[in-house]
Amino acid sequence: MPSTPRRILVVDDDLDTADTMAVLLRGMGHEVQFAIRGNEGLEMAREFRPEIIFLDLKLPDIDGCELAGRIRQVPGLESTILFAFTGYQDERERALAAGCDHFLVKPVDPALIDSLLT
């Protein structure tokens, strides 16, 4: 159980990955929502006001880096912690330049996720 439960949004177009991450994070004591499309994720971020977002970079409707920039422009979400969450190691520089705070390559060890959140 984390010392401080967090509000977390997972945005990933793979339903199994999004659901698995949500179950994992809820099991760690966090409040979690997920979206499988970028525009849906942006709307959920506006309403849910997450402290942390795990953001897939390859989304079908909007590029994850563009989505990161849009999230940064939403009043109240400027300091939300963004984890780029992707299967592509070579996207690191682009993700960090787009405003992501951290870069994780799938699959991510649950122990690493827990340590990053506590």
C-alpha atoms as a PDB file:
ATOM      1  CA  MET A   1       0.000   0.000   0.000  1.00  0.00           C
ATOM      2  CA  PRO A   2       1.491   3.384  -0.976  1.00  0.00           C
ATOM      3  CA  SER A   3       2.094   6.018   1.652  1.00  0.00           C
ATOM      4  CA  THR A   4      -0.053   8.450  -0.336  1.00  0.00           C
ATOM      5  CA  PRO A   5      -2.758   7.254  -2.739  1.00  0.00           C
ATOM      6  CA  ARG A   6      -2.567   9.115  -6.072  1.00  0.00           C
ATOM      7  CA  ARG A   7      -5.123  10.007  -8.742  1.00  0.00           C
ATOM      8  CA  ILE A   8      -3.784   8.327 -11.883  1.00  0.00           C
ATOM      9  CA  LEU A   9      -4.934   8.275 -15.491  1.00  0.00           C
ATOM     10  CA  VAL A  10      -3.700   5.634 -17.933  1.00  0.00           C
ATOM     11  CA  VAL A  11      -4.011   6.447 -21.662  1.00  0.00           C
ATOM     12  CA  ASP A  12      -3.216   3.449 -23.870  1.00  0.00           C
ATOM     13  CA  ASP A  13      -4.943   2.260 -27.045  1.00  0.00           C
ATOM     14  CA  ASP A  14      -4.394  -1.389 -26.108  1.00  0.00           C
ATOM     15  CA  LEU A  15      -7.372  -2.220 -23.890  1.00  0.00           C
ATOM     16  CA  ASP A  16      -5.584  -5.137 -22.219  1.00  0.00           C
ATOM     17  CA  THR A  17      -2.594  -2.964 -21.317  1.00  0.00           C
ATOM     18  CA  ALA A  18      -4.774  -0.108 -20.045  1.00  0.00           C
ATOM     19  CA  ASP A  19      -6.928  -2.449 -17.980  1.00  0.00           C
ATOM     20  CA  THR A  20      -3.921  -4.356 -16.590  1.00  0.00           C
ATOM     21  CA  MET A  21      -2.232  -1.109 -15.565  1.00  0.00           C
ATOM     22  CA  ALA A  22      -5.450   0.124 -13.930  1.00  0.00           C
ATOM     23  CA  VAL A  23      -5.837  -3.131 -11.960  1.00  0.00           C
ATOM     24  CA  LEU A  24      -2.167  -3.034 -10.906  1.00  0.00           C
ATOM     25  CA  LEU A  25      -2.338   0.593  -9.789  1.00  0.00           C
ATOM     26  CA  ARG A  26      -5.639   0.110  -7.951  1.00  0.00           C
ATOM     27  CA  GLY A  27      -4.046  -2.845  -6.167  1.00  0.00           C
ATOM     28  CA  MET A  28      -1.345  -0.437  -4.986  1.00  0.00           C
ATOM     29  CA  GLY A  29      -4.069   1.751  -3.461  1.00  0.00           C
ATOM     30  CA  HIS A  30      -4.395   4.425  -6.135  1.00  0.00           C
ATOM     31  CA  GLU A  31      -7.543   5.904  -7.674  1.00  0.00           C
ATOM     32  CA  VAL A  32      -7.325   5.079 -11.376  1.00  0.00           C
ATOM     33  CA  GLN A  33      -9.185   5.767 -14.587  1.00  0.00           C
ATOM     34  CA  PHE A  34      -8.157   4.800 -18.104  1.00  0.00           C
ATOM     35  CA  ALA A  35      -8.828   5.841 -21.672  1.00  0.00           C
ATOM     36  CA  ILE A  36      -8.034   4.028 -24.915  1.00  0.00           C
ATOM     37  CA  ARG A  37      -7.968   7.067 -27.206  1.00  0.00           C
ATOM     38  CA  GLY A  38      -6.001  10.294 -26.898  1.00  0.00           C
ATOM     39  CA  ASN A  39      -8.908  12.716 -27.185  1.00  0.00           C
ATOM     40  CA  GLU A  40     -10.838  10.682 -24.611  1.00  0.00           C
ATOM     41  CA  GLY A  41      -7.767  10.831 -22.355  1.00  0.00           C
ATOM     42  CA  LEU A  42      -7.584  14.613 -22.671  1.00  0.00           C
ATOM     43  CA  GLU A  43     -11.240  14.975 -21.707  1.00  0.00           C
ATOM     44  CA  MET A  44     -10.826  12.570 -18.788  1.00  0.00           C
ATOM     45  CA  ALA A  45      -7.762  14.499 -17.615  1.00  0.00           C
ATOM     46  CA  ARG A  46      -9.809  17.720 -17.579  1.00  0.00           C
ATOM     47  CA  GLU A  47     -12.566  16.093 -15.511  1.00  0.00           C
ATOM     48  CA  PHE A  48     -10.609  13.648 -13.296  1.00  0.00           C
ATOM     49  CA  ARG A  49      -7.679  16.018 -12.562  1.00  0.00           C
ATOM     50  CA  PRO A  50      -5.039  13.282 -12.170  1.00  0.00           C
ATOM     51  CA  GLU A  51      -1.772  13.849 -10.367  1.00  0.00           C
ATOM     52  CA  ILE A  52      -0.056  11.340 -12.652  1.00  0.00           C
ATOM     53  CA  ILE A  53      -0.691  10.201 -16.233  1.00  0.00           C
ATOM     54  CA  PHE A  54       0.791   7.123 -17.896  1.00  0.00           C
ATOM     55  CA  LEU A  55       0.687   8.068 -21.568  1.00  0.00           C
ATOM     56  CA  ASP A  56       1.213   5.727 -24.502  1.00  0.00           C
ATOM     57  CA  LEU A  57       2.967   7.559 -27.328  1.00  0.00           C
ATOM     58  CA  LYS A  58       1.389   5.604 -30.208  1.00  0.00           C
ATOM     59  CA  LEU A  59      -2.334   6.377 -30.085  1.00  0.00           C
ATOM     60  CA  PRO A  60      -4.687   6.004 -33.066  1.00  0.00           C
ATOM     61  CA  ASP A  61      -6.284   9.459 -32.970  1.00  0.00           C
ATOM     62  CA  ILE A  62      -3.546  11.768 -31.682  1.00  0.00           C
ATOM     63  CA  ASP A  63       0.194  11.423 -31.214  1.00  0.00           C
ATOM     64  CA  GLY A  64       1.088  10.919 -27.547  1.00  0.00           C
ATOM     65  CA  CYS A  65       3.667  13.695 -27.620  1.00  0.00           C
ATOM     66  CA  GLU A  66       1.089  16.118 -29.012  1.00  0.00           C
ATOM     67  CA  LEU A  67      -1.306  14.972 -26.294  1.00  0.00           C
ATOM     68  CA  ALA A  68       1.345  15.662 -23.644  1.00  0.00           C
ATOM     69  CA  GLY A  69       1.602  19.227 -24.936  1.00  0.00           C
ATOM     70  CA  ARG A  70      -2.163  19.665 -24.858  1.00  0.00           C
ATOM     71  CA  ILE A  71      -2.344  18.344 -21.295  1.00  0.00           C
ATOM     72  CA  ARG A  72       0.335  20.846 -20.246  1.00  0.00           C
ATOM     73  CA  GLN A  73      -1.894  23.675 -21.563  1.00  0.00           C
ATOM     74  CA  VAL A  74      -4.930  22.721 -19.460  1.00  0.00           C
ATOM     75  CA  PRO A  75      -5.222  25.042 -16.450  1.00  0.00           C
ATOM     76  CA  GLY A  76      -4.521  23.038 -13.308  1.00  0.00           C
ATOM     77  CA  LEU A  77      -2.723  20.214 -15.140  1.00  0.00           C
ATOM     78  CA  GLU A  78       0.550  22.021 -15.856  1.00  0.00           C
ATOM     79  CA  SER A  79       2.329  20.176 -13.046  1.00  0.00           C
ATOM     80  CA  THR A  80       0.719  16.761 -13.581  1.00  0.00           C
ATOM     81  CA  ILE A  81       3.475  14.150 -13.730  1.00  0.00           C
ATOM     82  CA  LEU A  82       3.571  12.573 -17.191  1.00  0.00           C
ATOM     83  CA  PHE A  83       5.095   9.147 -17.717  1.00  0.00           C
ATOM     84  CA  ALA A  84       5.678   8.341 -21.383  1.00  0.00           C
ATOM     85  CA  PHE A  85       4.742   4.674 -21.516  1.00  0.00           C
ATOM     86  CA  THR A  86       5.745   3.043 -24.783  1.00  0.00           C
ATOM     87  CA  GLY A  87       7.222   0.008 -26.465  1.00  0.00           C
ATOM     88  CA  TYR A  88       9.714   2.137 -28.410  1.00  0.00           C
ATOM     89  CA  GLN A  89      13.042   2.923 -26.718  1.00  0.00           C
ATOM     90  CA  ASP A  90      13.990   5.408 -29.467  1.00  0.00           C
ATOM     91  CA  GLU A  91      11.127   7.773 -28.511  1.00  0.00           C
ATOM     92  CA  ARG A  92      12.816   8.955 -25.298  1.00  0.00           C
ATOM     93  CA  GLU A  93      14.167  12.326 -26.458  1.00  0.00           C
ATOM     94  CA  ARG A  94      10.978  13.227 -28.318  1.00  0.00           C
ATOM     95  CA  ALA A  95       8.810  12.343 -25.313  1.00  0.00           C
ATOM     96  CA  LEU A  96      10.908  14.363 -22.872  1.00  0.00           C
ATOM     97  CA  ALA A  97      11.002  17.320 -25.280  1.00  0.00           C
ATOM     98  CA  ALA A  98       7.191  17.172 -25.505  1.00  0.00           C
ATOM     99  CA  GLY A  99       6.851  17.640 -21.756  1.00  0.00           C
ATOM    100  CA  CYS A 100       6.884  14.136 -20.327  1.00  0.00           C
ATOM    101  CA  ASP A 101       8.658  13.912 -16.991  1.00  0.00           C
ATOM    102  CA  HIS A 102       9.678  10.262 -17.196  1.00  0.00           C
ATOM    103  CA  PHE A 103      10.126   7.644 -19.896  1.00  0.00           C
ATOM    104  CA  LEU A 104       9.206   3.975 -19.408  1.00  0.00           C
ATOM    105  CA  VAL A 105       9.543   1.164 -21.936  1.00  0.00           C
ATOM    106  CA  LYS A 106       6.882  -1.554 -21.897  1.00  0.00           C
ATOM    107  CA  PRO A 107       6.638  -3.989 -20.321  1.00  0.00           C
ATOM    108  CA  VAL A 108       7.403  -2.186 -17.079  1.00  0.00           C
ATOM    109  CA  ASP A 109       8.178  -4.107 -13.901  1.00  0.00           C
ATOM    110  CA  PRO A 110       5.402  -3.484 -11.343  1.00  0.00           C
ATOM    111  CA  ALA A 111       8.043  -3.060  -8.617  1.00  0.00           C
ATOM    112  CA  LEU A 112       9.566  -0.173 -10.608  1.00  0.00           C
ATOM    113  CA  ILE A 113       6.168   1.480 -10.989  1.00  0.00           C
ATOM    114  CA  ASP A 114       5.517   1.123  -7.264  1.00  0.00           C
ATOM    115  CA  SER A 115       8.916   2.616  -6.394  1.00  0.00           C
ATOM    116  CA  LEU A 116       8.365   5.567  -8.756  1.00  0.00           C
ATOM    117  CA  LEU A 117       4.979   6.339  -7.190  1.00  0.00           C
ATOM    118  CA  THR A 118       5.963   6.108  -3.518  1.00  0.00           C
END
